[in-house]
Amino acid sequence: MALNSGILTDKGGERCMKTKMSEFDWAAWVFVTVGALNWGLVGAFKMDLVQIIFSTSPMLMKLVYILIGLSGLYWLYKILIAKK
């Protein structure tokens, strides 16, 4: 993708929509990214980063996992259904 006069274009020259994300979208995106990185670490090294960081507070750890799951569902909805 290239930025051309404020419009994003892909390699074929087709225009792509440039949108701003709200604070809620950013927060959800951060949780989805943390979840993806955490699962990558679990799969590759059997290291649960969320558990390591929040091991002193099981309730906080559970809350983070719930927020990660809800954020994933939100982005799935946003990508598949809301863009139609």
N, C-alpha and C. Protein backbone atom coordinates (compact mmCIF):
# COMPACT_ATOMS: atom_id res chain seq x y z
N MET A 1 0.83 -1.17 0.00
CA MET A 1 0.00 0.00 0.00
C MET A 1 0.87 1.24 0.00
N ALA A 2 0.42 2.24 -0.68
CA ALA A 2 1.14 3.50 -0.74
C ALA A 2 0.18 4.63 -0.44
N LEU A 3 0.70 5.68 0.19
CA LEU A 3 -0.10 6.86 0.48
C LEU A 3 0.08 7.84 -0.67
N ASN A 4 -1.00 8.13 -1.36
CA ASN A 4 -0.95 8.99 -2.52
C ASN A 4 -1.99 10.09 -2.35
N SER A 5 -1.55 11.31 -2.06
CA SER A 5 -2.45 12.46 -1.86
C SER A 5 -3.48 12.18 -0.78
N GLY A 6 -3.08 11.51 0.29
CA GLY A 6 -3.99 11.24 1.39
C GLY A 6 -4.89 10.03 1.17
N ILE A 7 -4.74 9.34 0.03
CA ILE A 7 -5.56 8.16 -0.27
C ILE A 7 -4.64 6.95 -0.30
N LEU A 8 -5.00 5.92 0.41
CA LEU A 8 -4.22 4.69 0.39
C LEU A 8 -4.54 3.90 -0.87
N THR A 9 -3.50 3.43 -1.54
CA THR A 9 -3.69 2.59 -2.72
C THR A 9 -2.89 1.32 -2.55
N ASP A 10 -3.39 0.22 -3.12
CA ASP A 10 -2.63 -1.03 -3.07
C ASP A 10 -1.75 -1.11 -4.31
N LYS A 11 -1.06 -2.24 -4.50
CA LYS A 11 -0.13 -2.39 -5.61
C LYS A 11 -0.79 -2.25 -6.97
N GLY A 12 -2.05 -2.63 -7.06
CA GLY A 12 -2.78 -2.52 -8.32
C GLY A 12 -3.32 -1.13 -8.58
N GLY A 13 -3.11 -0.21 -7.66
CA GLY A 13 -3.58 1.15 -7.83
C GLY A 13 -5.01 1.37 -7.37
N GLU A 14 -5.65 0.32 -6.84
CA GLU A 14 -7.02 0.48 -6.36
C GLU A 14 -7.02 1.22 -5.03
N ARG A 15 -8.04 2.03 -4.86
CA ARG A 15 -8.14 2.81 -3.63
C ARG A 15 -8.60 1.94 -2.47
N CYS A 16 -8.01 2.18 -1.32
CA CYS A 16 -8.40 1.50 -0.09
C CYS A 16 -8.98 2.54 0.86
N MET A 17 -9.95 2.13 1.64
CA MET A 17 -10.57 3.05 2.57
C MET A 17 -9.68 3.28 3.78
N LYS A 18 -9.44 4.55 4.09
CA LYS A 18 -8.64 4.91 5.26
C LYS A 18 -9.61 5.37 6.34
N THR A 19 -9.65 4.65 7.46
CA THR A 19 -10.57 5.00 8.52
C THR A 19 -9.81 5.25 9.81
N LYS A 20 -10.40 6.09 10.65
CA LYS A 20 -9.84 6.33 11.97
C LYS A 20 -10.48 5.37 12.95
N MET A 21 -9.68 4.88 13.87
CA MET A 21 -10.22 3.99 14.90
C MET A 21 -10.52 4.81 16.15
N SER A 22 -11.63 4.49 16.80
CA SER A 22 -11.98 5.14 18.05
C SER A 22 -11.09 4.60 19.17
N GLU A 23 -11.20 5.22 20.33
CA GLU A 23 -10.43 4.74 21.49
C GLU A 23 -10.84 3.31 21.85
N PHE A 24 -12.13 3.03 21.72
CA PHE A 24 -12.62 1.68 22.00
C PHE A 24 -12.03 0.67 21.03
N ASP A 25 -11.98 1.05 19.74
CA ASP A 25 -11.38 0.17 18.73
C ASP A 25 -9.92 -0.10 19.04
N TRP A 26 -9.18 0.95 19.43
CA TRP A 26 -7.76 0.79 19.77
C TRP A 26 -7.58 -0.14 20.96
N ALA A 27 -8.40 0.06 22.00
CA ALA A 27 -8.29 -0.79 23.18
C ALA A 27 -8.57 -2.25 22.82
N ALA A 28 -9.62 -2.47 22.02
CA ALA A 28 -9.95 -3.83 21.59
C ALA A 28 -8.81 -4.41 20.75
N TRP A 29 -8.23 -3.58 19.88
CA TRP A 29 -7.13 -4.05 19.03
C TRP A 29 -5.91 -4.44 19.87
N VAL A 30 -5.63 -3.67 20.92
CA VAL A 30 -4.50 -3.98 21.81
C VAL A 30 -4.74 -5.33 22.50
N PHE A 31 -5.97 -5.56 23.00
CA PHE A 31 -6.27 -6.83 23.65
C PHE A 31 -6.17 -8.00 22.67
N VAL A 32 -6.64 -7.81 21.45
CA VAL A 32 -6.54 -8.88 20.44
C VAL A 32 -5.07 -9.18 20.14
N THR A 33 -4.26 -8.14 20.03
CA THR A 33 -2.83 -8.33 19.75
C THR A 33 -2.14 -9.03 20.92
N VAL A 34 -2.45 -8.61 22.14
CA VAL A 34 -1.87 -9.27 23.32
C VAL A 34 -2.27 -10.74 23.35
N GLY A 35 -3.54 -11.02 23.05
CA GLY A 35 -4.00 -12.41 23.02
C GLY A 35 -3.29 -13.24 21.97
N ALA A 36 -3.11 -12.65 20.78
CA ALA A 36 -2.43 -13.38 19.71
C ALA A 36 -0.97 -13.65 20.08
N LEU A 37 -0.30 -12.66 20.61
CA LEU A 37 1.09 -12.86 21.03
C LEU A 37 1.18 -13.88 22.16
N ASN A 38 0.24 -13.82 23.09
CA ASN A 38 0.24 -14.77 24.19
C ASN A 38 0.07 -16.20 23.69
N TRP A 39 -0.88 -16.41 22.77
CA TRP A 39 -1.09 -17.76 22.23
C TRP A 39 0.12 -18.23 21.42
N GLY A 40 0.77 -17.30 20.74
CA GLY A 40 2.00 -17.66 20.03
C GLY A 40 3.09 -18.13 20.98
N LEU A 41 3.23 -17.43 22.10
CA LEU A 41 4.21 -17.82 23.10
C LEU A 41 3.84 -19.15 23.76
N VAL A 42 2.55 -19.35 24.01
CA VAL A 42 2.11 -20.62 24.60
C VAL A 42 2.42 -21.77 23.65
N GLY A 43 2.11 -21.57 22.37
CA GLY A 43 2.34 -22.63 21.39
C GLY A 43 3.82 -22.92 21.15
N ALA A 44 4.63 -21.88 21.09
CA ALA A 44 6.04 -22.06 20.77
C ALA A 44 6.89 -22.45 21.98
N PHE A 45 6.61 -21.82 23.12
CA PHE A 45 7.51 -22.00 24.27
C PHE A 45 6.80 -22.46 25.55
N LYS A 46 5.50 -22.73 25.47
CA LYS A 46 4.71 -23.09 26.65
C LYS A 46 4.87 -22.03 27.75
N MET A 47 4.86 -20.75 27.33
CA MET A 47 5.02 -19.64 28.25
C MET A 47 3.78 -18.75 28.15
N ASP A 48 3.00 -18.68 29.21
CA ASP A 48 1.79 -17.88 29.25
C ASP A 48 2.14 -16.52 29.85
N LEU A 49 2.31 -15.52 28.99
CA LEU A 49 2.76 -14.20 29.42
C LEU A 49 1.74 -13.52 30.33
N VAL A 50 0.45 -13.67 30.03
CA VAL A 50 -0.59 -13.07 30.88
C VAL A 50 -0.51 -13.67 32.28
N GLN A 51 -0.32 -14.96 32.37
CA GLN A 51 -0.21 -15.60 33.68
C GLN A 51 1.04 -15.13 34.42
N ILE A 52 2.14 -14.96 33.70
CA ILE A 52 3.37 -14.49 34.34
C ILE A 52 3.19 -13.08 34.89
N ILE A 53 2.56 -12.20 34.12
CA ILE A 53 2.39 -10.80 34.54
C ILE A 53 1.38 -10.68 35.68
N PHE A 54 0.27 -11.39 35.58
CA PHE A 54 -0.82 -11.22 36.54
C PHE A 54 -0.98 -12.40 37.50
N SER A 55 0.06 -13.16 37.73
CA SER A 55 -0.05 -14.36 38.57
C SER A 55 -0.38 -14.03 40.03
N THR A 56 -0.07 -12.82 40.47
CA THR A 56 -0.36 -12.44 41.85
C THR A 56 -1.84 -12.12 42.05
N SER A 57 -2.57 -11.88 40.96
CA SER A 57 -3.98 -11.54 41.07
C SER A 57 -4.80 -12.40 40.10
N PRO A 58 -5.30 -13.54 40.57
CA PRO A 58 -6.07 -14.42 39.69
C PRO A 58 -7.31 -13.75 39.09
N MET A 59 -7.94 -12.87 39.83
CA MET A 59 -9.13 -12.17 39.31
C MET A 59 -8.76 -11.23 38.17
N LEU A 60 -7.63 -10.53 38.31
CA LEU A 60 -7.17 -9.63 37.24
C LEU A 60 -6.77 -10.43 36.01
N MET A 61 -6.14 -11.57 36.22
CA MET A 61 -5.77 -12.45 35.11
C MET A 61 -7.02 -12.93 34.38
N LYS A 62 -8.03 -13.32 35.13
CA LYS A 62 -9.28 -13.77 34.52
C LYS A 62 -9.95 -12.62 33.75
N LEU A 63 -9.90 -11.41 34.30
CA LEU A 63 -10.47 -10.25 33.63
C LEU A 63 -9.77 -9.97 32.30
N VAL A 64 -8.45 -10.09 32.29
CA VAL A 64 -7.69 -9.87 31.05
C VAL A 64 -8.09 -10.90 30.00
N TYR A 65 -8.20 -12.16 30.40
CA TYR A 65 -8.62 -13.19 29.44
C TYR A 65 -10.03 -12.93 28.92
N ILE A 66 -10.93 -12.47 29.77
CA ILE A 66 -12.30 -12.15 29.33
C ILE A 66 -12.28 -10.98 28.36
N LEU A 67 -11.49 -9.95 28.66
CA LEU A 67 -11.39 -8.79 27.76
C LEU A 67 -10.78 -9.17 26.42
N ILE A 68 -9.81 -10.06 26.43
CA ILE A 68 -9.21 -10.53 25.19
C ILE A 68 -10.26 -11.26 24.34
N GLY A 69 -11.03 -12.14 24.97
CA GLY A 69 -12.07 -12.87 24.25
C GLY A 69 -13.15 -11.95 23.70
N LEU A 70 -13.62 -11.00 24.52
CA LEU A 70 -14.64 -10.06 24.06
C LEU A 70 -14.11 -9.16 22.94
N SER A 71 -12.85 -8.77 23.04
CA SER A 71 -12.24 -7.95 21.99
C SER A 71 -12.15 -8.71 20.68
N GLY A 72 -11.81 -9.99 20.77
CA GLY A 72 -11.78 -10.82 19.55
C GLY A 72 -13.14 -10.93 18.91
N LEU A 73 -14.18 -11.13 19.73
CA LEU A 73 -15.54 -11.20 19.19
C LEU A 73 -15.97 -9.87 18.58
N TYR A 74 -15.60 -8.78 19.22
CA TYR A 74 -15.92 -7.45 18.70
C TYR A 74 -15.30 -7.23 17.33
N TRP A 75 -14.00 -7.55 17.19
CA TRP A 75 -13.34 -7.34 15.90
C TRP A 75 -13.86 -8.31 14.84
N LEU A 76 -14.21 -9.51 15.24
CA LEU A 76 -14.80 -10.45 14.29
C LEU A 76 -16.12 -9.91 13.77
N TYR A 77 -16.95 -9.40 14.67
CA TYR A 77 -18.21 -8.78 14.27
C TYR A 77 -17.95 -7.57 13.36
N LYS A 78 -17.03 -6.73 13.77
CA LYS A 78 -16.74 -5.51 13.01
C LYS A 78 -16.24 -5.81 11.61
N ILE A 79 -15.41 -6.81 11.47
CA ILE A 79 -14.85 -7.16 10.16
C ILE A 79 -15.85 -7.88 9.28
N LEU A 80 -16.57 -8.85 9.84
CA LEU A 80 -17.45 -9.69 9.02
C LEU A 80 -18.84 -9.12 8.80
N ILE A 81 -19.42 -8.48 9.80
CA ILE A 81 -20.82 -8.09 9.70
C ILE A 81 -20.99 -6.59 9.50
N ALA A 82 -20.30 -5.79 10.27
CA ALA A 82 -20.52 -4.34 10.24
C ALA A 82 -20.04 -3.71 8.94
N LYS A 83 -19.14 -4.31 8.21
CA LYS A 83 -18.59 -3.73 6.97
C LYS A 83 -19.43 -4.04 5.74
N LYS A 84 -20.50 -4.82 5.89
CA LYS A 84 -21.33 -5.18 4.73
C LYS A 84 -22.20 -4.05 4.29
